[in-house]
Amino acid sequence: MPSGAQRKTRPDEIGCVEMSFLGRAFARVVYALDRLFPAVRVGGRGSASDYAEWEFESGKRLIADYHRFLGFLGGKRILDIGCGYGGKTLAYSESGAEAYGVDIVPGNIAGAVEYSKRFPEITPPRFILASADLLPFADSTFDLVIANDSMEHFSNPEKALHEITRVVKEGGYVVLFFTPWSSPLGSHLYDLLKTPWCHLIYPDWLKEELLRIVLDARGERDPSAGAARLMGEYRSELNRITISQFNGIVSRIPDIKNVYREYRPLRFEWLRPFVKLPFVGKFFVNTVVSVLKKKHGP
């Protein structure tokens, strides 16, 4: 092209420009609607230390709420899978258990070790960098295994549950809490996007643009890069497990049986009847609670 000559725009390029403009305009409208939903209140979001404190209190509540299965923890060996910053693991240790915590994130393990040092009066748990689908423990090591908000993150949930079953003793319990894919908060983006079921309603390009708008409004230096990073985590860190898929996994492991199942709705008790509705009930389940027991051998 000669110097100074004006390049002609192709018709298909005009369409791309228009789509980009229309897409961003549409995202702005959706963002305005998204802001109308109430924010989801989740504890411990201020810092790693705050989150560990929230975990610690949550662990103590879990012990009280599920005492009929857990019993007294004194002298029991407990494994906390997906231990995060170790708050729940420390709560189990405070109750007299010999507690172990595993996580695949090195920073979480380091944070858990540091957090436990703040409580010299509590026997510190052992924190180990490990994956749920390859646990570094012998068969029948633990009286109890707890995986809180972890099942939906396992890269191979069926293999992980086989491993969990392997390391728990006969007659021991496995207690699982997880957010199914059909949950209103299944995206795990609720700190940023308020719309329930946004992962099921919005295409990925729209979710990324909404995240960019939110990060820009919060003053992030490079909101586009931040949104791309969050979408990368969204795609790689969630296995999109459904309630029916989880039930199928449990049914294929002969050594365990379900002894308790609870489907918790999101926040409001008046929503509880909705979780029992055929076909649509799964969309109102925010948390699946499953207590499994390892069968005694023949």
C-alpha atoms as a PDB file:
ATOM      1  CA  MET A   1       0.000   0.000   0.000  1.00  0.00           C
ATOM      2  CA  PRO A   2       1.501   3.389  -0.978  1.00  0.00           C
ATOM      3  CA  SER A   3       2.537   5.668   1.840  1.00  0.00           C
ATOM      4  CA  GLY A   4      -0.320   7.889   2.938  1.00  0.00           C
ATOM      5  CA  ALA A   5      -2.981   5.789   1.157  1.00  0.00           C
ATOM      6  CA  GLN A   6      -6.127   5.182   3.173  1.00  0.00           C
ATOM      7  CA  ARG A   7      -6.870   1.525   3.899  1.00  0.00           C
ATOM      8  CA  LYS A   8     -10.413   0.470   3.099  1.00  0.00           C
ATOM      9  CA  THR A   9     -12.342  -1.296   5.833  1.00  0.00           C
ATOM     10  CA  ARG A  10     -13.763  -4.658   4.797  1.00  0.00           C
ATOM     11  CA  PRO A  11     -17.474  -5.311   5.426  1.00  0.00           C
ATOM     12  CA  ASP A  12     -16.712  -8.176   7.806  1.00  0.00           C
ATOM     13  CA  GLU A  13     -14.501  -5.867   9.888  1.00  0.00           C
ATOM     14  CA  ILE A  14     -17.376  -3.388  10.208  1.00  0.00           C
ATOM     15  CA  GLY A  15     -19.498  -6.203  11.584  1.00  0.00           C
ATOM     16  CA  CYS A  16     -16.821  -7.086  14.142  1.00  0.00           C
ATOM     17  CA  VAL A  17     -16.593  -3.477  15.316  1.00  0.00           C
ATOM     18  CA  GLU A  18     -20.363  -3.254  15.591  1.00  0.00           C
ATOM     19  CA  MET A  19     -20.584  -6.564  17.473  1.00  0.00           C
ATOM     20  CA  SER A  20     -17.868  -5.433  19.856  1.00  0.00           C
ATOM     21  CA  PHE A  21     -19.705  -2.187  20.524  1.00  0.00           C
ATOM     22  CA  LEU A  22     -23.072  -3.912  20.851  1.00  0.00           C
ATOM     23  CA  GLY A  23     -21.599  -6.620  23.061  1.00  0.00           C
ATOM     24  CA  ARG A  24     -20.103  -4.092  25.448  1.00  0.00           C
ATOM     25  CA  ALA A  25     -23.320  -2.065  25.487  1.00  0.00           C
ATOM     26  CA  PHE A  26     -25.328  -5.199  26.219  1.00  0.00           C
ATOM     27  CA  ALA A  27     -22.906  -6.140  29.005  1.00  0.00           C
ATOM     28  CA  ARG A  28     -23.425  -2.706  30.579  1.00  0.00           C
ATOM     29  CA  VAL A  29     -27.177  -3.304  30.661  1.00  0.00           C
ATOM     30  CA  VAL A  30     -26.697  -6.757  32.194  1.00  0.00           C
ATOM     31  CA  TYR A  31     -24.253  -5.296  34.729  1.00  0.00           C
ATOM     32  CA  ALA A  32     -26.864  -2.745  35.821  1.00  0.00           C
ATOM     33  CA  LEU A  33     -29.359  -5.569  36.331  1.00  0.00           C
ATOM     34  CA  ASP A  34     -26.753  -7.664  38.160  1.00  0.00           C
ATOM     35  CA  ARG A  35     -26.254  -4.871  40.697  1.00  0.00           C
ATOM     36  CA  LEU A  36     -29.935  -5.146  41.678  1.00  0.00           C
ATOM     37  CA  PHE A  37     -29.404  -8.550  43.292  1.00  0.00           C
ATOM     38  CA  PRO A  38     -28.377  -8.654  46.961  1.00  0.00           C
ATOM     39  CA  ALA A  39     -24.733  -9.354  47.649  1.00  0.00           C
ATOM     40  CA  VAL A  40     -23.849 -12.792  48.972  1.00  0.00           C
ATOM     41  CA  ARG A  41     -22.368 -12.444  52.429  1.00  0.00           C
ATOM     42  CA  VAL A  42     -19.395 -14.753  52.882  1.00  0.00           C
ATOM     43  CA  GLY A  43     -17.210 -14.506  55.947  1.00  0.00           C
ATOM     44  CA  GLY A  44     -13.480 -14.051  55.998  1.00  0.00           C
ATOM     45  CA  ARG A  45     -13.028 -12.197  52.745  1.00  0.00           C
ATOM     46  CA  GLY A  46     -10.887  -9.401  54.202  1.00  0.00           C
ATOM     47  CA  SER A  47      -7.574 -11.267  54.337  1.00  0.00           C
ATOM     48  CA  ALA A  48      -6.032 -14.713  54.619  1.00  0.00           C
ATOM     49  CA  SER A  49      -6.038 -14.338  58.394  1.00  0.00           C
ATOM     50  CA  ASP A  50      -9.721 -13.372  58.379  1.00  0.00           C
ATOM     51  CA  TYR A  51     -10.526 -16.393  56.243  1.00  0.00           C
ATOM     52  CA  ALA A  52      -8.632 -18.710  58.601  1.00  0.00           C
ATOM     53  CA  GLU A  53     -10.621 -17.269  61.517  1.00  0.00           C
ATOM     54  CA  TRP A  54     -13.861 -17.870  59.624  1.00  0.00           C
ATOM     55  CA  GLU A  55     -12.747 -21.450  58.920  1.00  0.00           C
ATOM     56  CA  PHE A  56     -11.960 -21.952  62.612  1.00  0.00           C
ATOM     57  CA  GLU A  57     -15.438 -20.876  63.692  1.00  0.00           C
ATOM     58  CA  SER A  58     -17.023 -22.904  60.873  1.00  0.00           C
ATOM     59  CA  GLY A  59     -15.119 -25.981  62.017  1.00  0.00           C
ATOM     60  CA  LYS A  60     -16.448 -25.624  65.546  1.00  0.00           C
ATOM     61  CA  ARG A  61     -20.007 -25.292  64.221  1.00  0.00           C
ATOM     62  CA  LEU A  62     -19.541 -28.376  62.075  1.00  0.00           C
ATOM     63  CA  ILE A  63     -18.432 -30.396  65.099  1.00  0.00           C
ATOM     64  CA  ALA A  64     -21.546 -29.328  67.015  1.00  0.00           C
ATOM     65  CA  ASP A  65     -24.001 -29.743  64.136  1.00  0.00           C
ATOM     66  CA  TYR A  66     -22.858 -33.242  63.167  1.00  0.00           C
ATOM     67  CA  HIS A  67     -21.991 -34.598  66.593  1.00  0.00           C
ATOM     68  CA  ARG A  68     -24.302 -37.592  66.089  1.00  0.00           C
ATOM     69  CA  PHE A  69     -21.958 -38.834  63.372  1.00  0.00           C
ATOM     70  CA  LEU A  70     -18.642 -37.438  64.533  1.00  0.00           C
ATOM     71  CA  GLY A  71     -19.050 -38.245  68.215  1.00  0.00           C
ATOM     72  CA  PHE A  72     -16.376 -37.018  70.583  1.00  0.00           C
ATOM     73  CA  LEU A  73     -13.230 -36.313  68.617  1.00  0.00           C
ATOM     74  CA  GLY A  74     -10.749 -36.925  71.425  1.00  0.00           C
ATOM     75  CA  GLY A  75      -8.181 -39.508  70.350  1.00  0.00           C
ATOM     76  CA  LYS A  76      -9.542 -39.846  66.814  1.00  0.00           C
ATOM     77  CA  ARG A  77      -7.420 -39.372  63.732  1.00  0.00           C
ATOM     78  CA  ILE A  78      -9.061 -36.933  61.306  1.00  0.00           C
ATOM     79  CA  LEU A  79      -8.167 -35.908  57.767  1.00  0.00           C
ATOM     80  CA  ASP A  80      -9.326 -32.520  56.458  1.00  0.00           C
ATOM     81  CA  ILE A  81      -9.168 -32.496  52.653  1.00  0.00           C
ATOM     82  CA  GLY A  82      -8.916 -29.106  50.977  1.00  0.00           C
ATOM     83  CA  CYS A  83      -7.911 -27.599  54.305  1.00  0.00           C
ATOM     84  CA  GLY A  84      -7.306 -24.089  52.958  1.00  0.00           C
ATOM     85  CA  TYR A  85      -5.712 -21.919  55.619  1.00  0.00           C
ATOM     86  CA  GLY A  86      -6.211 -24.601  58.260  1.00  0.00           C
ATOM     87  CA  GLY A  87      -8.885 -23.029  60.437  1.00  0.00           C
ATOM     88  CA  LYS A  88     -11.229 -26.020  60.378  1.00  0.00           C
ATOM     89  CA  THR A  89      -8.331 -28.435  60.831  1.00  0.00           C
ATOM     90  CA  LEU A  90      -7.260 -26.503  63.910  1.00  0.00           C
ATOM     91  CA  ALA A  91     -10.818 -26.662  65.290  1.00  0.00           C
ATOM     92  CA  TYR A  92     -10.715 -30.462  65.023  1.00  0.00           C
ATOM     93  CA  SER A  93      -7.372 -30.485  66.798  1.00  0.00           C
ATOM     94  CA  GLU A  94      -8.753 -28.228  69.534  1.00  0.00           C
ATOM     95  CA  SER A  95     -11.452 -30.853  70.134  1.00  0.00           C
ATOM     96  CA  GLY A  96      -8.798 -33.438  70.917  1.00  0.00           C
ATOM     97  CA  ALA A  97      -8.340 -35.090  67.537  1.00  0.00           C
ATOM     98  CA  GLU A  98      -5.065 -35.942  65.865  1.00  0.00           C
ATOM     99  CA  ALA A  99      -5.747 -33.761  62.853  1.00  0.00           C
ATOM    100  CA  TYR A 100      -4.189 -33.733  59.398  1.00  0.00           C
ATOM    101  CA  GLY A 101      -4.882 -31.223  56.641  1.00  0.00           C
ATOM    102  CA  VAL A 102      -4.079 -31.605  52.952  1.00  0.00           C
ATOM    103  CA  ASP A 103      -4.308 -29.069  50.143  1.00  0.00           C
ATOM    104  CA  ILE A 104      -2.866 -28.780  46.636  1.00  0.00           C
ATOM    105  CA  VAL A 105      -2.012 -25.074  46.972  1.00  0.00           C
ATOM    106  CA  PRO A 106       1.425 -24.442  48.543  1.00  0.00           C
ATOM    107  CA  GLY A 107       0.363 -21.003  49.785  1.00  0.00           C
ATOM    108  CA  ASN A 108      -2.578 -22.503  51.636  1.00  0.00           C
ATOM    109  CA  ILE A 109      -0.353 -25.021  53.409  1.00  0.00           C
ATOM    110  CA  ALA A 110       2.121 -22.289  54.372  1.00  0.00           C
ATOM    111  CA  GLY A 111      -0.730 -20.109  55.626  1.00  0.00           C
ATOM    112  CA  ALA A 112      -2.203 -22.990  57.630  1.00  0.00           C
ATOM    113  CA  VAL A 113       1.107 -23.659  59.357  1.00  0.00           C
ATOM    114  CA  GLU A 114       1.472 -19.975  60.245  1.00  0.00           C
ATOM    115  CA  TYR A 115      -2.113 -19.700  61.487  1.00  0.00           C
ATOM    116  CA  SER A 116      -1.739 -22.714  63.785  1.00  0.00           C
ATOM    117  CA  LYS A 117       1.272 -21.044  65.430  1.00  0.00           C
ATOM    118  CA  ARG A 118      -1.073 -18.397  66.825  1.00  0.00           C
ATOM    119  CA  PHE A 119      -2.564 -21.033  69.134  1.00  0.00           C
ATOM    120  CA  PRO A 120       0.319 -22.593  71.085  1.00  0.00           C
ATOM    121  CA  GLU A 121      -2.164 -24.130  73.524  1.00  0.00           C
ATOM    122  CA  ILE A 122      -3.596 -26.334  70.733  1.00  0.00           C
ATOM    123  CA  THR A 123      -1.657 -29.321  69.437  1.00  0.00           C
ATOM    124  CA  PRO A 124      -0.782 -28.225  65.891  1.00  0.00           C
ATOM    125  CA  PRO A 125      -2.235 -30.295  63.057  1.00  0.00           C
ATOM    126  CA  ARG A 126       0.035 -31.745  60.403  1.00  0.00           C
ATOM    127  CA  PHE A 127      -0.376 -29.944  57.097  1.00  0.00           C
ATOM    128  CA  ILE A 128       0.692 -31.751  53.934  1.00  0.00           C
ATOM    129  CA  LEU A 129       0.829 -30.665  50.301  1.00  0.00           C
ATOM    130  CA  ALA A 130      -1.107 -33.401  48.502  1.00  0.00           C
ATOM    131  CA  SER A 131      -3.896 -34.069  46.037  1.00  0.00           C
ATOM    132  CA  ALA A 132      -7.150 -35.730  47.054  1.00  0.00           C
ATOM    133  CA  ASP A 133      -6.792 -38.311  44.294  1.00  0.00           C
ATOM    134  CA  LEU A 134      -3.339 -39.407  45.494  1.00  0.00           C
ATOM    135  CA  LEU A 135      -3.289 -39.278  49.284  1.00  0.00           C
ATOM    136  CA  PRO A 136       0.065 -40.059  50.958  1.00  0.00           C
ATOM    137  CA  PHE A 137      -1.433 -42.272  53.664  1.00  0.00           C
ATOM    138  CA  ALA A 138      -1.733 -45.994  54.264  1.00  0.00           C
ATOM    139  CA  ASP A 139      -5.021 -47.840  53.992  1.00  0.00           C
ATOM    140  CA  SER A 140      -7.426 -47.436  56.934  1.00  0.00           C
ATOM    141  CA  THR A 141      -5.460 -44.608  58.561  1.00  0.00           C
ATOM    142  CA  PHE A 142      -8.287 -42.291  59.641  1.00  0.00           C
ATOM    143  CA  ASP A 143     -11.379 -42.568  61.803  1.00  0.00           C
ATOM    144  CA  LEU A 144     -12.962 -39.656  59.968  1.00  0.00           C
ATOM    145  CA  VAL A 145     -12.386 -37.785  56.704  1.00  0.00           C
ATOM    146  CA  ILE A 146     -13.960 -34.382  56.088  1.00  0.00           C
ATOM    147  CA  ALA A 147     -13.972 -32.553  52.755  1.00  0.00           C
ATOM    148  CA  ASN A 148     -15.632 -29.173  53.105  1.00  0.00           C
ATOM    149  CA  ASP A 149     -16.217 -27.179  49.899  1.00  0.00           C
ATOM    150  CA  SER A 150     -13.736 -29.375  48.054  1.00  0.00           C
ATOM    151  CA  MET A 151     -15.620 -31.985  46.015  1.00  0.00           C
ATOM    152  CA  GLU A 152     -16.504 -29.484  43.279  1.00  0.00           C
ATOM    153  CA  HIS A 153     -12.802 -28.633  42.886  1.00  0.00           C
ATOM    154  CA  PHE A 154     -11.342 -32.143  42.612  1.00  0.00           C
ATOM    155  CA  SER A 155      -9.851 -32.723  39.164  1.00  0.00           C
ATOM    156  CA  ASN A 156     -11.097 -36.319  39.316  1.00  0.00           C
ATOM    157  CA  PRO A 157     -13.880 -36.550  41.923  1.00  0.00           C
ATOM    158  CA  GLU A 158     -14.454 -40.288  41.466  1.00  0.00           C
ATOM    159  CA  LYS A 159     -10.793 -41.134  41.939  1.00  0.00           C
ATOM    160  CA  ALA A 160     -10.672 -38.781  44.935  1.00  0.00           C
ATOM    161  CA  LEU A 161     -13.621 -40.481  46.625  1.00  0.00           C
ATOM    162  CA  HIS A 162     -11.998 -43.881  46.029  1.00  0.00           C
ATOM    163  CA  GLU A 163      -8.853 -42.554  47.736  1.00  0.00           C
ATOM    164  CA  ILE A 164     -10.864 -41.124  50.614  1.00  0.00           C
ATOM    165  CA  THR A 165     -12.595 -44.485  51.047  1.00  0.00           C
ATOM    166  CA  ARG A 166      -9.236 -46.237  51.028  1.00  0.00           C
ATOM    167  CA  VAL A 167      -7.719 -44.182  53.849  1.00  0.00           C
ATOM    168  CA  VAL A 168     -10.744 -44.248  56.187  1.00  0.00           C
ATOM    169  CA  LYS A 169     -11.123 -47.156  58.606  1.00  0.00           C
ATOM    170  CA  GLU A 170     -13.934 -49.684  58.426  1.00  0.00           C
ATOM    171  CA  GLY A 171     -16.879 -48.224  60.307  1.00  0.00           C
ATOM    172  CA  GLY A 172     -15.412 -44.736  59.886  1.00  0.00           C
ATOM    173  CA  TYR A 173     -17.230 -41.774  58.397  1.00  0.00           C
ATOM    174  CA  VAL A 174     -16.685 -39.514  55.412  1.00  0.00           C
ATOM    175  CA  VAL A 175     -18.403 -36.115  55.663  1.00  0.00           C
ATOM    176  CA  LEU A 176     -18.697 -34.100  52.464  1.00  0.00           C
ATOM    177  CA  PHE A 177     -20.022 -30.605  51.807  1.00  0.00           C
ATOM    178  CA  PHE A 178     -20.045 -29.231  48.284  1.00  0.00           C
ATOM    179  CA  THR A 179     -21.746 -26.750  45.980  1.00  0.00           C
ATOM    180  CA  PRO A 180     -23.243 -28.560  42.964  1.00  0.00           C
ATOM    181  CA  TRP A 181     -23.003 -27.069  39.494  1.00  0.00           C
ATOM    182  CA  SER A 182     -26.750 -26.361  39.359  1.00  0.00           C
ATOM    183  CA  SER A 183     -26.577 -24.250  42.531  1.00  0.00           C
ATOM    184  CA  PRO A 184     -27.426 -20.532  42.331  1.00  0.00           C
ATOM    185  CA  LEU A 185     -23.793 -19.986  43.403  1.00  0.00           C
ATOM    186  CA  GLY A 186     -22.270 -22.782  41.334  1.00  0.00           C
ATOM    187  CA  SER A 187     -19.997 -20.347  39.492  1.00  0.00           C
ATOM    188  CA  HIS A 188     -18.066 -19.457  42.676  1.00  0.00           C
ATOM    189  CA  LEU A 189     -17.928 -15.927  41.231  1.00  0.00           C
ATOM    190  CA  TYR A 190     -20.411 -14.550  43.755  1.00  0.00           C
ATOM    191  CA  ASP A 191     -17.868 -12.149  45.252  1.00  0.00           C
ATOM    192  CA  LEU A 192     -18.064 -10.276  41.946  1.00  0.00           C
ATOM    193  CA  LEU A 193     -21.226 -11.271  40.079  1.00  0.00           C
ATOM    194  CA  LYS A 194     -24.475 -11.172  42.029  1.00  0.00           C
ATOM    195  CA  THR A 195     -26.815 -12.824  39.531  1.00  0.00           C
ATOM    196  CA  PRO A 196     -27.901 -16.313  40.689  1.00  0.00           C
ATOM    197  CA  TRP A 197     -27.078 -19.081  38.178  1.00  0.00           C
ATOM    198  CA  CYS A 198     -24.925 -16.626  36.205  1.00  0.00           C
ATOM    199  CA  HIS A 199     -22.786 -19.550  35.005  1.00  0.00           C
ATOM    200  CA  LEU A 200     -25.858 -21.208  33.492  1.00  0.00           C
ATOM    201  CA  ILE A 201     -27.457 -18.031  32.128  1.00  0.00           C
ATOM    202  CA  TYR A 202     -24.557 -16.038  30.681  1.00  0.00           C
ATOM    203  CA  PRO A 203     -22.157 -17.198  27.954  1.00  0.00           C
ATOM    204  CA  ASP A 204     -18.478 -17.073  28.851  1.00  0.00           C
ATOM    205  CA  TRP A 205     -17.759 -13.938  26.819  1.00  0.00           C
ATOM    206  CA  LEU A 206     -20.437 -12.075  28.773  1.00  0.00           C
ATOM    207  CA  LYS A 207     -19.207 -13.334  32.138  1.00  0.00           C
ATOM    208  CA  GLU A 208     -15.703 -12.159  31.281  1.00  0.00           C
ATOM    209  CA  GLU A 209     -16.922  -8.736  30.188  1.00  0.00           C
ATOM    210  CA  LEU A 210     -19.021  -8.397  33.354  1.00  0.00           C
ATOM    211  CA  LEU A 211     -15.999  -9.301  35.453  1.00  0.00           C
ATOM    212  CA  ARG A 212     -13.970  -6.681  33.587  1.00  0.00           C
ATOM    213  CA  ILE A 213     -16.607  -4.042  34.351  1.00  0.00           C
ATOM    214  CA  VAL A 214     -16.699  -5.011  38.037  1.00  0.00           C
ATOM    215  CA  LEU A 215     -12.918  -4.953  38.380  1.00  0.00           C
ATOM    216  CA  ASP A 216     -12.738  -1.627  36.562  1.00  0.00           C
ATOM    217  CA  ALA A 217     -15.340  -0.178  38.945  1.00  0.00           C
ATOM    218  CA  ARG A 218     -13.208  -1.383  41.854  1.00  0.00           C
ATOM    219  CA  GLY A 219     -10.175   0.426  40.493  1.00  0.00           C
ATOM    220  CA  GLU A 220      -8.161  -2.564  39.295  1.00  0.00           C
ATOM    221  CA  ARG A 221      -5.147  -1.459  37.273  1.00  0.00           C
ATOM    222  CA  ASP A 222      -5.693  -3.944  34.429  1.00  0.00           C
ATOM    223  CA  PRO A 223      -9.308  -5.143  34.628  1.00  0.00           C
ATOM    224  CA  SER A 224      -9.105  -7.019  31.322  1.00  0.00           C
ATOM    225  CA  ALA A 225      -6.189  -9.125  32.534  1.00  0.00           C
ATOM    226  CA  GLY A 226      -7.905  -9.658  35.867  1.00  0.00           C
ATOM    227  CA  ALA A 227     -11.101 -10.813  34.190  1.00  0.00           C
ATOM    228  CA  ALA A 228      -9.169 -13.192  31.947  1.00  0.00           C
ATOM    229  CA  ARG A 229      -7.379 -14.643  34.974  1.00  0.00           C
ATOM    230  CA  LEU A 230     -10.649 -15.169  36.851  1.00  0.00           C
ATOM    231  CA  MET A 231     -12.222 -16.875  33.858  1.00  0.00           C
ATOM    232  CA  GLY A 232      -9.173 -19.109  33.577  1.00  0.00           C
ATOM    233  CA  GLU A 233      -9.635 -20.153  37.204  1.00  0.00           C
ATOM    234  CA  TYR A 234     -13.362 -20.605  36.630  1.00  0.00           C
ATOM    235  CA  ARG A 235     -12.690 -23.003  33.755  1.00  0.00           C
ATOM    236  CA  SER A 236      -9.865 -24.953  35.390  1.00  0.00           C
ATOM    237  CA  GLU A 237     -10.784 -25.114  39.085  1.00  0.00           C
ATOM    238  CA  LEU A 238     -14.409 -26.286  38.899  1.00  0.00           C
ATOM    239  CA  ASN A 239     -15.281 -29.811  37.766  1.00  0.00           C
ATOM    240  CA  ARG A 240     -18.976 -28.908  37.320  1.00  0.00           C
ATOM    241  CA  ILE A 241     -20.157 -31.891  39.318  1.00  0.00           C
ATOM    242  CA  THR A 242     -23.926 -32.295  39.562  1.00  0.00           C
ATOM    243  CA  ILE A 243     -25.994 -33.981  42.249  1.00  0.00           C
ATOM    244  CA  SER A 244     -26.793 -36.915  39.974  1.00  0.00           C
ATOM    245  CA  GLN A 245     -23.120 -37.330  39.041  1.00  0.00           C
ATOM    246  CA  PHE A 246     -22.156 -37.372  42.713  1.00  0.00           C
ATOM    247  CA  ASN A 247     -24.839 -39.950  43.494  1.00  0.00           C
ATOM    248  CA  GLY A 248     -23.529 -42.063  40.630  1.00  0.00           C
ATOM    249  CA  ILE A 249     -19.990 -41.946  42.001  1.00  0.00           C
ATOM    250  CA  VAL A 250     -21.144 -43.027  45.462  1.00  0.00           C
ATOM    251  CA  SER A 251     -23.174 -45.892  43.994  1.00  0.00           C
ATOM    252  CA  ARG A 252     -20.091 -47.215  42.170  1.00  0.00           C
ATOM    253  CA  ILE A 253     -17.956 -47.495  45.307  1.00  0.00           C
ATOM    254  CA  PRO A 254     -19.037 -50.725  47.022  1.00  0.00           C
ATOM    255  CA  ASP A 255     -17.189 -50.112  50.293  1.00  0.00           C
ATOM    256  CA  ILE A 256     -19.268 -47.104  51.372  1.00  0.00           C
ATOM    257  CA  LYS A 257     -22.910 -46.427  52.044  1.00  0.00           C
ATOM    258  CA  ASN A 258     -24.830 -43.212  52.446  1.00  0.00           C
ATOM    259  CA  VAL A 259     -26.186 -42.723  55.963  1.00  0.00           C
ATOM    260  CA  TYR A 260     -27.276 -39.089  55.743  1.00  0.00           C
ATOM    261  CA  ARG A 261     -28.038 -36.684  52.943  1.00  0.00           C
ATOM    262  CA  GLU A 262     -29.162 -33.064  53.173  1.00  0.00           C
ATOM    263  CA  TYR A 263     -29.873 -30.548  50.439  1.00  0.00           C
ATOM    264  CA  ARG A 264     -29.507 -27.039  51.788  1.00  0.00           C
ATOM    265  CA  PRO A 265     -31.165 -24.126  49.992  1.00  0.00           C
ATOM    266  CA  LEU A 266     -29.557 -20.736  49.585  1.00  0.00           C
ATOM    267  CA  ARG A 267     -29.845 -18.617  52.739  1.00  0.00           C
ATOM    268  CA  PHE A 268     -33.609 -18.689  53.198  1.00  0.00           C
ATOM    269  CA  GLU A 269     -35.450 -21.526  54.945  1.00  0.00           C
ATOM    270  CA  TRP A 270     -38.622 -20.790  52.977  1.00  0.00           C
ATOM    271  CA  LEU A 271     -36.783 -22.077  49.910  1.00  0.00           C
ATOM    272  CA  ARG A 272     -36.254 -25.528  51.469  1.00  0.00           C
ATOM    273  CA  PRO A 273     -39.462 -27.056  50.005  1.00  0.00           C
ATOM    274  CA  PHE A 274     -38.277 -26.080  46.531  1.00  0.00           C
ATOM    275  CA  VAL A 275     -35.271 -28.427  46.696  1.00  0.00           C
ATOM    276  CA  LYS A 276     -37.692 -31.376  46.739  1.00  0.00           C
ATOM    277  CA  LEU A 277     -39.433 -30.421  43.516  1.00  0.00           C
ATOM    278  CA  PRO A 278     -38.943 -32.829  40.597  1.00  0.00           C
ATOM    279  CA  PHE A 279     -36.719 -31.662  37.729  1.00  0.00           C
ATOM    280  CA  VAL A 280     -36.189 -28.105  39.041  1.00  0.00           C
ATOM    281  CA  GLY A 281     -35.373 -28.821  42.696  1.00  0.00           C
ATOM    282  CA  LYS A 282     -31.664 -29.198  41.965  1.00  0.00           C
ATOM    283  CA  PHE A 283     -31.481 -25.537  40.973  1.00  0.00           C
ATOM    284  CA  PHE A 284     -32.422 -24.477  44.507  1.00  0.00           C
ATOM    285  CA  VAL A 285     -29.812 -26.640  46.246  1.00  0.00           C
ATOM    286  CA  ASN A 286     -26.911 -24.502  47.388  1.00  0.00           C
ATOM    287  CA  THR A 287     -25.037 -27.126  49.410  1.00  0.00           C
ATOM    288  CA  VAL A 288     -25.076 -30.907  49.373  1.00  0.00           C
ATOM    289  CA  VAL A 289     -24.238 -32.506  52.714  1.00  0.00           C
ATOM    290  CA  SER A 290     -23.387 -36.196  52.485  1.00  0.00           C
ATOM    291  CA  VAL A 291     -22.327 -38.465  55.331  1.00  0.00           C
ATOM    292  CA  LEU A 292     -20.919 -41.783  54.140  1.00  0.00           C
ATOM    293  CA  LYS A 293     -19.874 -44.762  56.236  1.00  0.00           C
ATOM    294  CA  LYS A 294     -17.264 -47.309  55.258  1.00  0.00           C
ATOM    295  CA  LYS A 295     -18.654 -50.797  55.473  1.00  0.00           C
ATOM    296  CA  HIS A 296     -17.054 -53.535  57.519  1.00  0.00           C
ATOM    297  CA  GLY A 297     -15.330 -56.213  55.504  1.00  0.00           C
ATOM    298  CA  PRO A 298     -16.797 -59.676  54.969  1.00  0.00           C
END
